[in-house]
Amino acid sequence: RNGDDAVLLSLLPSFAKKGAGKEKEAADSTPPELVETA
């Protein structure tokens, strides 16, 4: 569905590096299995 790609992108460490704070920390700590699925 349009818009849900942002949810999946938020799981990628490279995407969150542009952000800061909690959002970046959350993505950087995403388990590799979840990143691969995303």
Full PDB file with SEQRES, HELIX, SHEET, SSBOND, CRYST1, ORIGX, SCALE, CONECT and MASTER records, all heavy atoms in Angstrom:
SEQRES   1 A   38  ARG ASN GLY ASP ASP ALA VAL LEU LEU SER LEU LEU PRO          
SEQRES   2 A   38  SER PHE ALA LYS LYS GLY ALA GLY LYS GLU LYS GLU ALA          
SEQRES   3 A   38  ALA ASP SER THR PRO PRO GLU LEU VAL GLU THR ALA              
HELIX    1 AA1 ASP A    5  LEU A    9  1                                   5    
HELIX    2 AA2 PRO A   13  ALA A   16  1                                   4    
HELIX    3 AA3 LYS A   22  ASP A   28  1                                   7    
HELIX    4 AA4 PRO A   32  THR A   37  1                                   6    
CRYST1    1.000    1.000    1.000  90.00  90.00  90.00 P 1           1          
ORIGX1      1.000000  0.000000  0.000000        0.00000                         
ORIGX2      0.000000  1.000000  0.000000        0.00000                         
ORIGX3      0.000000  0.000000  1.000000        0.00000                         
SCALE1      1.000000  0.000000  0.000000        0.00000                         
SCALE2      0.000000  1.000000  0.000000        0.00000                         
SCALE3      0.000000  0.000000  1.000000        0.00000                         
ATOM      1  N   ARG A   1       0.841  -1.195   0.000  1.00  0.00           N  
ATOM      2  CA  ARG A   1       0.000   0.000   0.000  1.00  0.00           C  
ATOM      3  C   ARG A   1       0.875   1.243   0.000  1.00  0.00           C  
ATOM      4  O   ARG A   1       1.903   1.294   0.674  1.00  0.00           O  
ATOM      5  CB  ARG A   1      -0.904   0.005   1.247  1.00  0.00           C  
ATOM      6  CG  ARG A   1      -1.903   1.148   1.291  1.00  0.00           C  
ATOM      7  CD  ARG A   1      -2.701   1.129   2.590  1.00  0.00           C  
ATOM      8  NE  ARG A   1      -1.848   1.412   3.750  1.00  0.00           N  
ATOM      9  CZ  ARG A   1      -2.327   1.622   4.980  1.00  0.00           C  
ATOM     10  NH1 ARG A   1      -3.629   1.558   5.202  1.00  0.00           N  
ATOM     11  NH2 ARG A   1      -1.502   1.870   5.974  1.00  0.00           N  
ATOM     12  N   ASN A   2       0.492   2.246  -0.762  1.00  0.00           N  
ATOM     13  CA  ASN A   2       1.265   3.479  -0.818  1.00  0.00           C  
ATOM     14  C   ASN A   2       1.405   4.080   0.578  1.00  0.00           C  
ATOM     15  O   ASN A   2       0.425   4.222   1.304  1.00  0.00           O  
ATOM     16  CB  ASN A   2       0.586   4.499  -1.744  1.00  0.00           C  
ATOM     17  CG  ASN A   2       0.733   4.126  -3.205  1.00  0.00           C  
ATOM     18  OD1 ASN A   2       1.679   3.436  -3.570  1.00  0.00           O  
ATOM     19  ND2 ASN A   2      -0.198   4.552  -4.042  1.00  0.00           N  
ATOM     20  N   GLY A   3       2.618   4.429   0.924  1.00  0.00           N  
ATOM     21  CA  GLY A   3       2.883   5.031   2.223  1.00  0.00           C  
ATOM     22  C   GLY A   3       3.519   4.072   3.203  1.00  0.00           C  
ATOM     23  O   GLY A   3       4.283   4.488   4.086  1.00  0.00           O  
ATOM     24  N   ASP A   4       3.247   2.775   3.048  1.00  0.00           N  
ATOM     25  CA  ASP A   4       3.829   1.802   3.966  1.00  0.00           C  
ATOM     26  C   ASP A   4       5.298   1.528   3.660  1.00  0.00           C  
ATOM     27  O   ASP A   4       6.001   0.938   4.484  1.00  0.00           O  
ATOM     28  CB  ASP A   4       3.040   0.491   3.918  1.00  0.00           C  
ATOM     29  CG  ASP A   4       1.667   0.631   4.552  1.00  0.00           C  
ATOM     30  OD1 ASP A   4       1.543   1.417   5.509  1.00  0.00           O  
ATOM     31  OD2 ASP A   4       0.725  -0.031   4.091  1.00  0.00           O  
ATOM     32  N   ASP A   5       5.751   1.956   2.490  1.00  0.00           N  
ATOM     33  CA  ASP A   5       7.168   1.803   2.197  1.00  0.00           C  
ATOM     34  C   ASP A   5       8.014   2.615   3.176  1.00  0.00           C  
ATOM     35  O   ASP A   5       9.149   2.237   3.498  1.00  0.00           O  
ATOM     36  CB  ASP A   5       7.476   2.204   0.750  1.00  0.00           C  
ATOM     37  CG  ASP A   5       6.929   3.585   0.406  1.00  0.00           C  
ATOM     38  OD1 ASP A   5       5.886   3.956   0.956  1.00  0.00           O  
ATOM     39  OD2 ASP A   5       7.550   4.263  -0.424  1.00  0.00           O  
ATOM     40  N   ALA A   6       7.462   3.717   3.680  1.00  0.00           N  
ATOM     41  CA  ALA A   6       8.191   4.529   4.655  1.00  0.00           C  
ATOM     42  C   ALA A   6       8.413   3.752   5.949  1.00  0.00           C  
ATOM     43  O   ALA A   6       9.453   3.908   6.616  1.00  0.00           O  
ATOM     44  CB  ALA A   6       7.432   5.822   4.944  1.00  0.00           C  
ATOM     45  N   VAL A   7       7.450   2.914   6.305  1.00  0.00           N  
ATOM     46  CA  VAL A   7       7.581   2.081   7.501  1.00  0.00           C  
ATOM     47  C   VAL A   7       8.725   1.091   7.317  1.00  0.00           C  
ATOM     48  O   VAL A   7       9.552   0.891   8.215  1.00  0.00           O  
ATOM     49  CB  VAL A   7       6.271   1.316   7.786  1.00  0.00           C  
ATOM     50  CG1 VAL A   7       6.442   0.357   8.967  1.00  0.00           C  
ATOM     51  CG2 VAL A   7       5.140   2.294   8.061  1.00  0.00           C  
ATOM     52  N   LEU A   8       8.795   0.498   6.145  1.00  0.00           N  
ATOM     53  CA  LEU A   8       9.854  -0.469   5.856  1.00  0.00           C  
ATOM     54  C   LEU A   8      11.216   0.223   5.768  1.00  0.00           C  
ATOM     55  O   LEU A   8      12.225  -0.301   6.261  1.00  0.00           O  
ATOM     56  CB  LEU A   8       9.540  -1.207   4.558  1.00  0.00           C  
ATOM     57  CG  LEU A   8       8.255  -2.050   4.582  1.00  0.00           C  
ATOM     58  CD1 LEU A   8       7.901  -2.535   3.181  1.00  0.00           C  
ATOM     59  CD2 LEU A   8       8.413  -3.230   5.528  1.00  0.00           C  
ATOM     60  N   LEU A   9      11.238   1.386   5.156  1.00  0.00           N  
ATOM     61  CA  LEU A   9      12.503   2.121   5.040  1.00  0.00           C  
ATOM     62  C   LEU A   9      13.034   2.527   6.408  1.00  0.00           C  
ATOM     63  O   LEU A   9      14.249   2.607   6.611  1.00  0.00           O  
ATOM     64  CB  LEU A   9      12.312   3.366   4.171  1.00  0.00           C  
ATOM     65  CG  LEU A   9      12.229   3.131   2.663  1.00  0.00           C  
ATOM     66  CD1 LEU A   9      11.779   4.397   1.959  1.00  0.00           C  
ATOM     67  CD2 LEU A   9      13.566   2.662   2.115  1.00  0.00           C  
ATOM     68  N   SER A  10      12.135   2.778   7.347  1.00  0.00           N  
ATOM     69  CA  SER A  10      12.575   3.210   8.674  1.00  0.00           C  
ATOM     70  C   SER A  10      13.336   2.122   9.408  1.00  0.00           C  
ATOM     71  O   SER A  10      14.001   2.386  10.421  1.00  0.00           O  
ATOM     72  CB  SER A  10      11.368   3.646   9.513  1.00  0.00           C  
ATOM     73  OG  SER A  10      10.557   2.538   9.847  1.00  0.00           O  
ATOM     74  N   LEU A  11      13.243   0.893   8.907  1.00  0.00           N  
ATOM     75  CA  LEU A  11      13.970  -0.215   9.526  1.00  0.00           C  
ATOM     76  C   LEU A  11      15.409  -0.299   9.042  1.00  0.00           C  
ATOM     77  O   LEU A  11      16.218  -1.022   9.625  1.00  0.00           O  
ATOM     78  CB  LEU A  11      13.258  -1.540   9.213  1.00  0.00           C  
ATOM     79  CG  LEU A  11      11.817  -1.671   9.703  1.00  0.00           C  
ATOM     80  CD1 LEU A  11      11.204  -2.954   9.165  1.00  0.00           C  
ATOM     81  CD2 LEU A  11      11.756  -1.649  11.218  1.00  0.00           C  
ATOM     82  N   LEU A  12      15.720   0.446   7.982  1.00  0.00           N  
ATOM     83  CA  LEU A  12      17.056   0.380   7.399  1.00  0.00           C  
ATOM     84  C   LEU A  12      17.983   1.392   8.060  1.00  0.00           C  
ATOM     85  O   LEU A  12      17.667   2.582   8.104  1.00  0.00           O  
ATOM     86  CB  LEU A  12      17.000   0.645   5.890  1.00  0.00           C  
ATOM     87  CG  LEU A  12      15.996  -0.194   5.084  1.00  0.00           C  
ATOM     88  CD1 LEU A  12      16.146   0.136   3.611  1.00  0.00           C  
ATOM     89  CD2 LEU A  12      16.195  -1.678   5.342  1.00  0.00           C  
ATOM     90  N   PRO A  13      19.107   0.963   8.547  1.00  0.00           N  
ATOM     91  CA  PRO A  13      20.059   1.888   9.187  1.00  0.00           C  
ATOM     92  C   PRO A  13      20.461   3.048   8.292  1.00  0.00           C  
ATOM     93  O   PRO A  13      20.573   4.183   8.739  1.00  0.00           O  
ATOM     94  CB  PRO A  13      21.254   0.984   9.502  1.00  0.00           C  
ATOM     95  CG  PRO A  13      20.660  -0.379   9.629  1.00  0.00           C  
ATOM     96  CD  PRO A  13      19.562  -0.419   8.618  1.00  0.00           C  
ATOM     97  N   SER A  14      20.630   2.793   6.993  1.00  0.00           N  
ATOM     98  CA  SER A  14      21.078   3.852   6.082  1.00  0.00           C  
ATOM     99  C   SER A  14      20.039   4.955   5.957  1.00  0.00           C  
ATOM    100  O   SER A  14      20.362   6.115   5.738  1.00  0.00           O  
ATOM    101  CB  SER A  14      21.367   3.263   4.701  1.00  0.00           C  
ATOM    102  OG  SER A  14      20.212   2.650   4.169  1.00  0.00           O  
ATOM    103  N   PHE A  15      18.770   4.604   6.096  1.00  0.00           N  
ATOM    104  CA  PHE A  15      17.698   5.594   5.988  1.00  0.00           C  
ATOM    105  C   PHE A  15      17.693   6.501   7.217  1.00  0.00           C  
ATOM    106  O   PHE A  15      17.535   7.712   7.121  1.00  0.00           O  
ATOM    107  CB  PHE A  15      16.351   4.884   5.873  1.00  0.00           C  
ATOM    108  CG  PHE A  15      15.165   5.814   5.838  1.00  0.00           C  
ATOM    109  CD1 PHE A  15      14.860   6.521   4.683  1.00  0.00           C  
ATOM    110  CD2 PHE A  15      14.372   5.981   6.951  1.00  0.00           C  
ATOM    111  CE1 PHE A  15      13.770   7.372   4.643  1.00  0.00           C  
ATOM    112  CE2 PHE A  15      13.282   6.834   6.922  1.00  0.00           C  
ATOM    113  CZ  PHE A  15      12.982   7.528   5.761  1.00  0.00           C  
ATOM    114  N   ALA A  16      17.883   5.926   8.375  1.00  0.00           N  
ATOM    115  CA  ALA A  16      17.784   6.695   9.618  1.00  0.00           C  
ATOM    116  C   ALA A  16      19.012   7.565   9.882  1.00  0.00           C  
ATOM    117  O   ALA A  16      18.956   8.461  10.709  1.00  0.00           O  
ATOM    118  CB  ALA A  16      17.579   5.755  10.797  1.00  0.00           C  
ATOM    119  N   LYS A  17      20.102   7.326   9.179  1.00  0.00           N  
ATOM    120  CA  LYS A  17      21.294   8.136   9.404  1.00  0.00           C  
ATOM    121  C   LYS A  17      21.057   9.598   9.062  1.00  0.00           C  
ATOM    122  O   LYS A  17      21.777  10.478   9.519  1.00  0.00           O  
ATOM    123  CB  LYS A  17      22.460   7.584   8.571  1.00  0.00           C  
ATOM    124  CG  LYS A  17      23.036   6.292   9.149  1.00  0.00           C  
ATOM    125  CD  LYS A  17      24.155   5.745   8.285  1.00  0.00           C  
ATOM    126  CE  LYS A  17      24.690   4.435   8.867  1.00  0.00           C  
ATOM    127  NZ  LYS A  17      25.749   3.840   8.023  1.00  0.00           N  
ATOM    128  N   LYS A  18      20.023   9.843   8.234  1.00  0.00           N  
ATOM    129  CA  LYS A  18      19.717  11.227   7.890  1.00  0.00           C  
ATOM    130  C   LYS A  18      18.966  11.919   9.022  1.00  0.00           C  
ATOM    131  O   LYS A  18      18.847  13.124   9.053  1.00  0.00           O  
ATOM    132  CB  LYS A  18      18.865  11.268   6.615  1.00  0.00           C  
ATOM    133  CG  LYS A  18      19.595  10.726   5.392  1.00  0.00           C  
ATOM    134  CD  LYS A  18      18.698  10.809   4.178  1.00  0.00           C  
ATOM    135  CE  LYS A  18      19.413  10.284   2.945  1.00  0.00           C  
ATOM    136  NZ  LYS A  18      18.564  10.353   1.743  1.00  0.00           N  
ATOM    137  N   GLY A  19      18.413  11.103   9.923  1.00  0.00           N  
ATOM    138  CA  GLY A  19      17.663  11.651  11.040  1.00  0.00           C  
ATOM    139  C   GLY A  19      18.562  11.809  12.243  1.00  0.00           C  
ATOM    140  O   GLY A  19      19.780  11.905  12.138  1.00  0.00           O  
ATOM    141  N   ALA A  20      17.934  11.828  13.398  1.00  0.00           N  
ATOM    142  CA  ALA A  20      18.719  11.991  14.614  1.00  0.00           C  
ATOM    143  C   ALA A  20      17.915  11.458  15.784  1.00  0.00           C  
ATOM    144  O   ALA A  20      16.726  11.154  15.673  1.00  0.00           O  
ATOM    145  CB  ALA A  20      19.043  13.473  14.831  1.00  0.00           C  
ATOM    146  N   GLY A  21      18.588  11.331  16.888  1.00  0.00           N  
ATOM    147  CA  GLY A  21      17.916  10.967  18.126  1.00  0.00           C  
ATOM    148  C   GLY A  21      17.372   9.555  18.121  1.00  0.00           C  
ATOM    149  O   GLY A  21      17.992   8.621  17.612  1.00  0.00           O  
ATOM    150  N   LYS A  22      16.161   9.396  18.686  1.00  0.00           N  
ATOM    151  CA  LYS A  22      15.587   8.080  18.896  1.00  0.00           C  
ATOM    152  C   LYS A  22      15.340   7.338  17.591  1.00  0.00           C  
ATOM    153  O   LYS A  22      15.465   6.120  17.518  1.00  0.00           O  
ATOM    154  CB  LYS A  22      14.287   8.205  19.687  1.00  0.00           C  
ATOM    155  CG  LYS A  22      14.483   8.695  21.118  1.00  0.00           C  
ATOM    156  CD  LYS A  22      13.164   8.724  21.860  1.00  0.00           C  
ATOM    157  CE  LYS A  22      13.365   9.176  23.312  1.00  0.00           C  
ATOM    158  NZ  LYS A  22      12.079   9.218  24.051  1.00  0.00           N  
ATOM    159  N   GLU A  23      14.955   8.057  16.537  1.00  0.00           N  
ATOM    160  CA  GLU A  23      14.683   7.394  15.258  1.00  0.00           C  
ATOM    161  C   GLU A  23      15.943   6.717  14.734  1.00  0.00           C  
ATOM    162  O   GLU A  23      15.920   5.577  14.279  1.00  0.00           O  
ATOM    163  CB  GLU A  23      14.171   8.406  14.240  1.00  0.00           C  
ATOM    164  CG  GLU A  23      13.838   7.759  12.894  1.00  0.00           C  
ATOM    165  CD  GLU A  23      13.397   8.774  11.860  1.00  0.00           C  
ATOM    166  OE1 GLU A  23      13.249   9.958  12.215  1.00  0.00           O  
ATOM    167  OE2 GLU A  23      13.212   8.368  10.707  1.00  0.00           O  
ATOM    168  N   LYS A  24      17.063   7.401  14.823  1.00  0.00           N  
ATOM    169  CA  LYS A  24      18.321   6.836  14.350  1.00  0.00           C  
ATOM    170  C   LYS A  24      18.738   5.652  15.210  1.00  0.00           C  
ATOM    171  O   LYS A  24      19.160   4.616  14.708  1.00  0.00           O  
ATOM    172  CB  LYS A  24      19.420   7.904  14.375  1.00  0.00           C  
ATOM    173  CG  LYS A  24      20.791   7.396  13.912  1.00  0.00           C  
ATOM    174  CD  LYS A  24      21.801   8.506  13.938  1.00  0.00           C  
ATOM    175  CE  LYS A  24      23.150   8.009  13.406  1.00  0.00           C  
ATOM    176  NZ  LYS A  24      23.676   6.880  14.202  1.00  0.00           N  
ATOM    177  N   GLU A  25      18.582   5.787  16.510  1.00  0.00           N  
ATOM    178  CA  GLU A  25      18.969   4.713  17.413  1.00  0.00           C  
ATOM    179  C   GLU A  25      18.123   3.464  17.175  1.00  0.00           C  
ATOM    180  O   GLU A  25      18.622   2.344  17.219  1.00  0.00           O  
ATOM    181  CB  GLU A  25      18.811   5.171  18.868  1.00  0.00           C  
ATOM    182  CG  GLU A  25      19.799   6.264  19.272  1.00  0.00           C  
ATOM    183  CD  GLU A  25      19.520   6.771  20.673  1.00  0.00           C  
ATOM    184  OE1 GLU A  25      18.624   6.203  21.331  1.00  0.00           O  
ATOM    185  OE2 GLU A  25      20.185   7.713  21.117  1.00  0.00           O  
ATOM    186  N   ALA A  26      16.817   3.662  16.925  1.00  0.00           N  
ATOM    187  CA  ALA A  26      15.921   2.528  16.702  1.00  0.00           C  
ATOM    188  C   ALA A  26      16.319   1.751  15.459  1.00  0.00           C  
ATOM    189  O   ALA A  26      16.375   0.526  15.462  1.00  0.00           O  
ATOM    190  CB  ALA A  26      14.484   3.015  16.587  1.00  0.00           C  
ATOM    191  N   ALA A  27      16.588   2.463  14.363  1.00  0.00           N  
ATOM    192  CA  ALA A  27      16.958   1.795  13.122  1.00  0.00           C  
ATOM    193  C   ALA A  27      18.319   1.130  13.232  1.00  0.00           C  
ATOM    194  O   ALA A  27      18.538   0.045  12.711  1.00  0.00           O  
ATOM    195  CB  ALA A  27      16.953   2.795  11.968  1.00  0.00           C  
ATOM    196  N   ASP A  28      19.252   1.778  13.906  1.00  0.00           N  
ATOM    197  CA  ASP A  28      20.582   1.198  14.054  1.00  0.00           C  
ATOM    198  C   ASP A  28      20.558  -0.085  14.871  1.00  0.00           C  
ATOM    199  O   ASP A  28      21.450  -0.914  14.752  1.00  0.00           O  
ATOM    200  CB  ASP A  28      21.526   2.211  14.717  1.00  0.00           C  
ATOM    201  CG  ASP A  28      21.929   3.313  13.745  1.00  0.00           C  
ATOM    202  OD1 ASP A  28      21.728   3.135  12.531  1.00  0.00           O  
ATOM    203  OD2 ASP A  28      22.432   4.355  14.200  1.00  0.00           O  
ATOM    204  N   SER A  29      19.537  -0.240  15.710  1.00  0.00           N  
ATOM    205  CA  SER A  29      19.437  -1.435  16.542  1.00  0.00           C  
ATOM    206  C   SER A  29      18.483  -2.475  15.967  1.00  0.00           C  
ATOM    207  O   SER A  29      18.189  -3.474  16.610  1.00  0.00           O  
ATOM    208  CB  SER A  29      18.969  -1.053  17.962  1.00  0.00           C  
ATOM    209  OG  SER A  29      17.680  -0.463  17.920  1.00  0.00           O  
ATOM    210  N   THR A  30      17.993  -2.251  14.756  1.00  0.00           N  
ATOM    211  CA  THR A  30      17.075  -3.202  14.122  1.00  0.00           C  
ATOM    212  C   THR A  30      17.795  -4.519  13.863  1.00  0.00           C  
ATOM    213  O   THR A  30      18.886  -4.526  13.278  1.00  0.00           O  
ATOM    214  CB  THR A  30      16.550  -2.647  12.783  1.00  0.00           C  
ATOM    215  OG1 THR A  30      15.878  -1.414  13.018  1.00  0.00           O  
ATOM    216  CG2 THR A  30      15.581  -3.636  12.152  1.00  0.00           C  
ATOM    217  N   PRO A  31      17.218  -5.647  14.292  1.00  0.00           N  
ATOM    218  CA  PRO A  31      17.854  -6.952  14.059  1.00  0.00           C  
ATOM    219  C   PRO A  31      18.092  -7.191  12.566  1.00  0.00           C  
ATOM    220  O   PRO A  31      17.256  -6.827  11.741  1.00  0.00           O  
ATOM    221  CB  PRO A  31      16.823  -7.948  14.617  1.00  0.00           C  
ATOM    222  CG  PRO A  31      16.044  -7.157  15.623  1.00  0.00           C  
ATOM    223  CD  PRO A  31      15.964  -5.764  15.057  1.00  0.00           C  
ATOM    224  N   PRO A  32      19.212  -7.778  12.218  1.00  0.00           N  
ATOM    225  CA  PRO A  32      19.529  -8.033  10.808  1.00  0.00           C  
ATOM    226  C   PRO A  32      18.439  -8.807  10.075  1.00  0.00           C  
ATOM    227  O   PRO A  32      18.178  -8.558   8.897  1.00  0.00           O  
ATOM    228  CB  PRO A  32      20.831  -8.840  10.877  1.00  0.00           C  
ATOM    229  CG  PRO A  32      21.453  -8.427  12.175  1.00  0.00           C  
ATOM    230  CD  PRO A  32      20.320  -8.192  13.114  1.00  0.00           C  
ATOM    231  N   GLU A  33      17.793  -9.756  10.774  1.00  0.00           N  
ATOM    232  CA  GLU A  33      16.731 -10.539  10.124  1.00  0.00           C  
ATOM    233  C   GLU A  33      15.579  -9.645   9.682  1.00  0.00           C  
ATOM    234  O   GLU A  33      14.979  -9.866   8.628  1.00  0.00           O  
ATOM    235  CB  GLU A  33      16.199 -11.614  11.086  1.00  0.00           C  
ATOM    236  CG  GLU A  33      17.246 -12.600  11.580  1.00  0.00           C  
ATOM    237  CD  GLU A  33      17.868 -12.167  12.904  1.00  0.00           C  
ATOM    238  OE1 GLU A  33      17.924 -10.943  13.165  1.00  0.00           O  
ATOM    239  OE2 GLU A  33      18.290 -13.051  13.655  1.00  0.00           O  
ATOM    240  N   LEU A  34      15.279  -8.634  10.487  1.00  0.00           N  
ATOM    241  CA  LEU A  34      14.185  -7.725  10.158  1.00  0.00           C  
ATOM    242  C   LEU A  34      14.584  -6.788   9.028  1.00  0.00           C  
ATOM    243  O   LEU A  34      13.763  -6.456   8.159  1.00  0.00           O  
ATOM    244  CB  LEU A  34      13.778  -6.929  11.399  1.00  0.00           C  
ATOM    245  CG  LEU A  34      12.532  -6.044  11.281  1.00  0.00           C  
ATOM    246  CD1 LEU A  34      11.339  -6.830  10.762  1.00  0.00           C  
ATOM    247  CD2 LEU A  34      12.209  -5.410  12.627  1.00  0.00           C  
ATOM    248  N   VAL A  35      15.831  -6.357   9.027  1.00  0.00           N  
ATOM    249  CA  VAL A  35      16.331  -5.506   7.944  1.00  0.00           C  
ATOM    250  C   VAL A  35      16.265  -6.269   6.618  1.00  0.00           C  
ATOM    251  O   VAL A  35      15.825  -5.727   5.594  1.00  0.00           O  
ATOM    252  CB  VAL A  35      17.779  -5.058   8.223  1.00  0.00           C  
ATOM    253  CG1 VAL A  35      18.340  -4.295   7.013  1.00  0.00           C  
ATOM    254  CG2 VAL A  35      17.843  -4.185   9.462  1.00  0.00           C  
ATOM    255  N   GLU A  36      16.666  -7.538   6.643  1.00  0.00           N  
ATOM    256  CA  GLU A  36      16.648  -8.346   5.422  1.00  0.00           C  
ATOM    257  C   GLU A  36      15.214  -8.515   4.904  1.00  0.00           C  
ATOM    258  O   GLU A  36      14.959  -8.409   3.700  1.00  0.00           O  
ATOM    259  CB  GLU A  36      17.248  -9.724   5.699  1.00  0.00           C  
ATOM    260  CG  GLU A  36      17.279 -10.625   4.464  1.00  0.00           C  
ATOM    261  CD  GLU A  36      17.887 -11.984   4.750  1.00  0.00           C  
ATOM    262  OE1 GLU A  36      18.363 -12.215   5.884  1.00  0.00           O  
ATOM    263  OE2 GLU A  36      17.870 -12.824   3.835  1.00  0.00           O  
ATOM    264  N   THR A  37      14.275  -8.749   5.809  1.00  0.00           N  
ATOM    265  CA  THR A  37      12.874  -8.889   5.408  1.00  0.00           C  
ATOM    266  C   THR A  37      12.343  -7.593   4.817  1.00  0.00           C  
ATOM    267  O   THR A  37      11.595  -7.600   3.830  1.00  0.00           O  
ATOM    268  CB  THR A  37      12.008  -9.312   6.615  1.00  0.00           C  
ATOM    269  OG1 THR A  37      12.490 -10.551   7.134  1.00  0.00           O  
ATOM    270  CG2 THR A  37      10.547  -9.468   6.199  1.00  0.00           C  
ATOM    271  N   ALA A  38      12.706  -6.470   5.428  1.00  0.00           N  
ATOM    272  CA  ALA A  38      12.274  -5.169   4.923  1.00  0.00           C  
ATOM    273  C   ALA A  38      12.789  -4.948   3.500  1.00  0.00           C  
ATOM    274  O   ALA A  38      12.067  -4.430   2.634  1.00  0.00           O  
ATOM    275  CB  ALA A  38      12.753  -4.051   5.846  1.00  0.00           C  
TER     276      ALA A  38                                                      
MASTER        0    0    0    4    0    0    0    6  275    1    0    3          
END                                                                             
